Amino acid sequence: MIRFAARKPSTTSFIARRQRWGLYFVLPTVIFFAIFFLYPIIMGIYYSLTDFTLLRPPTFVGLQNFEDLLKDRLFLKSISVTLGYVAGSTLPVWILSLFAAVVFFEKFPGREILKMLFFAPVLPSLVVVATIWIVLVNPNGLLTAVLRPFTGLAEIKWLTDPTLSPITMILVHDWTAIPFYMLIWLAGLTGIPVDLRDSARVDGANRLQTFFKIELPLLRPTAVFVASISMINAFQAFTLQFTLSPGRGGPVDVNTTMGLLIWKYGFQYFRMGDAAAVSVVLFAMIMIVTALQLGLSRGDKFSIQ
């Protein structure tokens, strides 16, 4: 009598089938990314190498647009404006959001209610926030009235003074950004094992020593994430400058960031080739920031002494 052994299911075919179905599920996301992210990047690089005005088909000119940007006063000024805005929108935000996270990490009566109120500026969109601040920073508005006993000024030109206007933009941004990054710092503090804090207290460390010797070193991955995300967002600044500043970038272009300059070149001056060139430069700057973030994130191992 001849007996036939039962065929065992092939492990290789099962793995291949599972990988194929995994590809099917991932494919819509890949297509979405290719259409709405990868394709615009490629086309932006292409248009940066052309003379394109929206009134006639693009003509290839090579690197001429980038050479012209090096002689463009408005572009050179937008770089300094952007870098100044990045500095004012990152360093204070890192410090103040971390301080707020440390405060709200401690338990005290009414903490959750105060945390909710503190987080409230993050909920509206930047356009809504800018509209509210237009009323607050009116030369004769509420903010001027509050500061009048200290300044003695009946009128403060928050948005039309070339020196004060960029500072106002930074203050409005920081007011909305600090609560958001506070939550990220809070998540990092929550992830630190309680045993480490208890051991530090047993060894006689006070709250300040525990923070600098235990918590802050372990917050390095969170710090790298906060730094990279905040810098990328600051480099892309557009909404506040478009909504708040007089003349969309004024006065005298002190609020014309690179993001706003892209809009001006493309849709105000119809210089799409120059707008694409500026966007490529901005993209390169953001990629450098991202590369630095990836480099720092590799050093996540710490020794606590």
Foldseek 3Di string as FASTA:
>chain_A
DDDDDDDDDDPVVVVVVVVVVVCVVCVVVVVVCCVPPVVVLVVLVQLLQWFFQVPDDTHGNGNVLVVVLVVDPLNVLQVVLLVVLLVLQFPVLLVLLLVVLVVLLDDDPPSVVVLVVLQVLQPDDVLVLLVVVLQQQAQQHDVCVVCCVVPVDNGDNCAADLVNNSVSLSVSSSSNRSSVLSVLSNVLQVPFDPVLVVVCVVVPDDPVCCCVQPRVLLCQLSSLVSNLVSSLVSLLDQNNQQNNHPPSQDDVNSRCHLNSVLCCCCPVVSRNNSSSSSVVVSVVVSVVSVVVSVVSNVPNDDDGD
